[in-house]
């Protein structure tokens, strides 16, 4: 976990193929899963937050080895940061309005 602002920014852009300035929270962990870093752009600059566990490990969600990224809901991220094993949790049926993509017309200013 030696990467700083620029290193994490490059990973998001080049390896994940995402826009680091999108406002999404990007979470990275080391191989031992006892440290993690969050990268987020708040509209005025980048935030990097880090946590090193004194003991134990973060239980990272399982994924296929070909998958480059895992998408978590805000609730799943909170559980992960709180030390909850997401594999041991059960998702209940719950209505969630799908996100609406903004068109380029709505982004134009008068």
C-alpha atoms as a PDB file:
ATOM      1  CA  UNK A   1       0.000   0.000   0.000  1.00  0.00           C
ATOM      2  CA  UNK A   2       2.666   2.476  -1.011  1.00  0.00           C
ATOM      3  CA  UNK A   3       0.572   4.295  -3.577  1.00  0.00           C
ATOM      4  CA  UNK A   4      -0.308   7.933  -2.947  1.00  0.00           C
ATOM      5  CA  UNK A   5      -2.768  10.302  -4.632  1.00  0.00           C
ATOM      6  CA  UNK A   6      -1.218  10.078  -8.088  1.00  0.00           C
ATOM      7  CA  UNK A   7      -0.607   6.318  -7.947  1.00  0.00           C
ATOM      8  CA  UNK A   8      -4.171   5.528  -6.899  1.00  0.00           C
ATOM      9  CA  UNK A   9      -5.539   8.023  -9.426  1.00  0.00           C
ATOM     10  CA  UNK A  10      -3.580   6.215 -12.158  1.00  0.00           C
ATOM     11  CA  UNK A  11      -4.836   2.804 -11.034  1.00  0.00           C
ATOM     12  CA  UNK A  12      -8.448   3.974 -11.215  1.00  0.00           C
ATOM     13  CA  UNK A  13      -7.993   5.585 -14.626  1.00  0.00           C
ATOM     14  CA  UNK A  14      -5.726   3.036 -16.328  1.00  0.00           C
ATOM     15  CA  UNK A  15      -6.423  -0.323 -14.662  1.00  0.00           C
ATOM     16  CA  UNK A  16     -10.111   0.011 -13.753  1.00  0.00           C
ATOM     17  CA  UNK A  17     -11.032   2.215 -16.706  1.00  0.00           C
ATOM     18  CA  UNK A  18     -13.022   4.595 -14.504  1.00  0.00           C
ATOM     19  CA  UNK A  19     -12.985   8.363 -14.043  1.00  0.00           C
ATOM     20  CA  UNK A  20     -11.343   9.159 -10.682  1.00  0.00           C
ATOM     21  CA  UNK A  21     -13.185  12.527 -10.625  1.00  0.00           C
ATOM     22  CA  UNK A  22     -16.600  10.816 -10.868  1.00  0.00           C
ATOM     23  CA  UNK A  23     -17.307  11.136  -7.147  1.00  0.00           C
ATOM     24  CA  UNK A  24     -17.327   7.354  -6.636  1.00  0.00           C
ATOM     25  CA  UNK A  25     -15.397   5.912  -3.703  1.00  0.00           C
ATOM     26  CA  UNK A  26     -12.594   3.585  -4.821  1.00  0.00           C
ATOM     27  CA  UNK A  27     -11.317   1.117  -2.205  1.00  0.00           C
ATOM     28  CA  UNK A  28      -7.919  -0.601  -2.386  1.00  0.00           C
ATOM     29  CA  UNK A  29      -6.394  -3.197  -0.089  1.00  0.00           C
ATOM     30  CA  UNK A  30      -3.026  -4.855   0.295  1.00  0.00           C
ATOM     31  CA  UNK A  31      -2.361  -8.575  -0.229  1.00  0.00           C
ATOM     32  CA  UNK A  32      -2.611  -9.343   3.505  1.00  0.00           C
ATOM     33  CA  UNK A  33      -5.962  -7.511   3.695  1.00  0.00           C
ATOM     34  CA  UNK A  34      -4.996  -5.696   6.900  1.00  0.00           C
ATOM     35  CA  UNK A  35      -4.762  -2.244   5.286  1.00  0.00           C
ATOM     36  CA  UNK A  36      -6.981  -0.327   2.944  1.00  0.00           C
ATOM     37  CA  UNK A  37      -7.171   3.037   1.250  1.00  0.00           C
ATOM     38  CA  UNK A  38     -10.171   4.930  -0.070  1.00  0.00           C
ATOM     39  CA  UNK A  39      -9.858   7.408  -2.927  1.00  0.00           C
ATOM     40  CA  UNK A  40     -12.649   9.889  -3.667  1.00  0.00           C
ATOM     41  CA  UNK A  41     -12.898  13.184  -5.514  1.00  0.00           C
ATOM     42  CA  UNK A  42     -15.197  15.696  -3.760  1.00  0.00           C
ATOM     43  CA  UNK A  43     -15.395  18.318  -6.495  1.00  0.00           C
ATOM     44  CA  UNK A  44     -12.441  20.351  -5.287  1.00  0.00           C
ATOM     45  CA  UNK A  45      -9.740  17.729  -4.856  1.00  0.00           C
ATOM     46  CA  UNK A  46      -8.837  14.156  -4.044  1.00  0.00           C
ATOM     47  CA  UNK A  47      -9.266  12.551  -0.655  1.00  0.00           C
ATOM     48  CA  UNK A  48      -7.197   9.543   0.371  1.00  0.00           C
ATOM     49  CA  UNK A  49      -8.202   7.857   3.614  1.00  0.00           C
ATOM     50  CA  UNK A  50      -6.255   4.929   5.030  1.00  0.00           C
ATOM     51  CA  UNK A  51      -6.806   2.345   7.758  1.00  0.00           C
ATOM     52  CA  UNK A  52      -4.379  -0.209   9.196  1.00  0.00           C
ATOM     53  CA  UNK A  53      -5.860  -2.883  11.407  1.00  0.00           C
ATOM     54  CA  UNK A  54      -4.031  -3.675  14.653  1.00  0.00           C
ATOM     55  CA  UNK A  55      -5.197  -7.263  14.310  1.00  0.00           C
ATOM     56  CA  UNK A  56      -7.342  -9.310  11.974  1.00  0.00           C
ATOM     57  CA  UNK A  57      -8.131  -8.818   8.313  1.00  0.00           C
ATOM     58  CA  UNK A  58     -10.759  -7.232   6.142  1.00  0.00           C
ATOM     59  CA  UNK A  59     -12.951  -9.913   4.574  1.00  0.00           C
ATOM     60  CA  UNK A  60     -12.920  -8.893   0.914  1.00  0.00           C
ATOM     61  CA  UNK A  61     -15.868 -10.004  -1.237  1.00  0.00           C
ATOM     62  CA  UNK A  62     -15.141 -13.034  -3.401  1.00  0.00           C
ATOM     63  CA  UNK A  63     -14.860 -12.414  -7.125  1.00  0.00           C
ATOM     64  CA  UNK A  64     -13.800 -14.234 -10.260  1.00  0.00           C
ATOM     65  CA  UNK A  65     -10.081 -13.799 -10.986  1.00  0.00           C
ATOM     66  CA  UNK A  66     -10.921 -12.149 -14.320  1.00  0.00           C
ATOM     67  CA  UNK A  67     -12.921  -9.370 -12.621  1.00  0.00           C
ATOM     68  CA  UNK A  68     -11.006  -6.101 -12.226  1.00  0.00           C
ATOM     69  CA  UNK A  69     -13.476  -4.376  -9.917  1.00  0.00           C
ATOM     70  CA  UNK A  70     -16.268  -5.128  -7.485  1.00  0.00           C
ATOM     71  CA  UNK A  71     -19.172  -2.714  -7.090  1.00  0.00           C
ATOM     72  CA  UNK A  72     -20.470  -2.291  -3.539  1.00  0.00           C
ATOM     73  CA  UNK A  73     -23.510  -0.439  -2.284  1.00  0.00           C
ATOM     74  CA  UNK A  74     -22.954   2.228   0.392  1.00  0.00           C
ATOM     75  CA  UNK A  75     -24.342  -0.232   2.955  1.00  0.00           C
ATOM     76  CA  UNK A  76     -21.948  -2.987   1.864  1.00  0.00           C
ATOM     77  CA  UNK A  77     -19.010  -0.585   2.098  1.00  0.00           C
ATOM     78  CA  UNK A  78     -20.038   0.355   5.642  1.00  0.00           C
ATOM     79  CA  UNK A  79     -20.251  -3.335   6.590  1.00  0.00           C
ATOM     80  CA  UNK A  80     -16.843  -4.065   5.046  1.00  0.00           C
ATOM     81  CA  UNK A  81     -15.244  -1.160   6.926  1.00  0.00           C
ATOM     82  CA  UNK A  82     -16.969  -2.318  10.110  1.00  0.00           C
ATOM     83  CA  UNK A  83     -15.410  -5.775   9.898  1.00  0.00           C
ATOM     84  CA  UNK A  84     -18.500  -7.664   8.717  1.00  0.00           C
ATOM     85  CA  UNK A  85     -18.015 -10.593   6.339  1.00  0.00           C
ATOM     86  CA  UNK A  86     -20.274  -9.840   3.376  1.00  0.00           C
ATOM     87  CA  UNK A  87     -20.365 -13.535   2.419  1.00  0.00           C
ATOM     88  CA  UNK A  88     -22.089 -14.260   5.735  1.00  0.00           C
ATOM     89  CA  UNK A  89     -24.787 -11.649   5.227  1.00  0.00           C
ATOM     90  CA  UNK A  90     -28.058 -12.102   3.400  1.00  0.00           C
ATOM     91  CA  UNK A  91     -29.563  -9.431   1.176  1.00  0.00           C
ATOM     92  CA  UNK A  92     -33.296  -8.985   1.616  1.00  0.00           C
ATOM     93  CA  UNK A  93     -35.591  -7.987  -1.206  1.00  0.00           C
ATOM     94  CA  UNK A  94     -35.539  -4.225  -1.191  1.00  0.00           C
ATOM     95  CA  UNK A  95     -36.660  -1.650  -3.691  1.00  0.00           C
ATOM     96  CA  UNK A  96     -33.938   0.704  -4.860  1.00  0.00           C
ATOM     97  CA  UNK A  97     -34.581   3.201  -7.617  1.00  0.00           C
ATOM     98  CA  UNK A  98     -32.042   2.669 -10.417  1.00  0.00           C
ATOM     99  CA  UNK A  99     -29.580   5.542 -10.887  1.00  0.00           C
ATOM    100  CA  UNK A 100     -30.477   7.967 -13.662  1.00  0.00           C
ATOM    101  CA  UNK A 101     -27.751   8.881 -16.106  1.00  0.00           C
ATOM    102  CA  UNK A 102     -27.512  12.620 -16.790  1.00  0.00           C
ATOM    103  CA  UNK A 103     -27.729  13.570 -20.430  1.00  0.00           C
ATOM    104  CA  UNK A 104     -25.311  16.058 -21.942  1.00  0.00           C
ATOM    105  CA  UNK A 105     -28.227  18.464 -22.456  1.00  0.00           C
ATOM    106  CA  UNK A 106     -28.826  18.728 -18.710  1.00  0.00           C
ATOM    107  CA  UNK A 107     -25.161  19.491 -18.110  1.00  0.00           C
ATOM    108  CA  UNK A 108     -25.184  22.584 -20.341  1.00  0.00           C
ATOM    109  CA  UNK A 109     -25.437  25.913 -18.585  1.00  0.00           C
ATOM    110  CA  UNK A 110     -27.239  28.993 -19.856  1.00  0.00           C
END
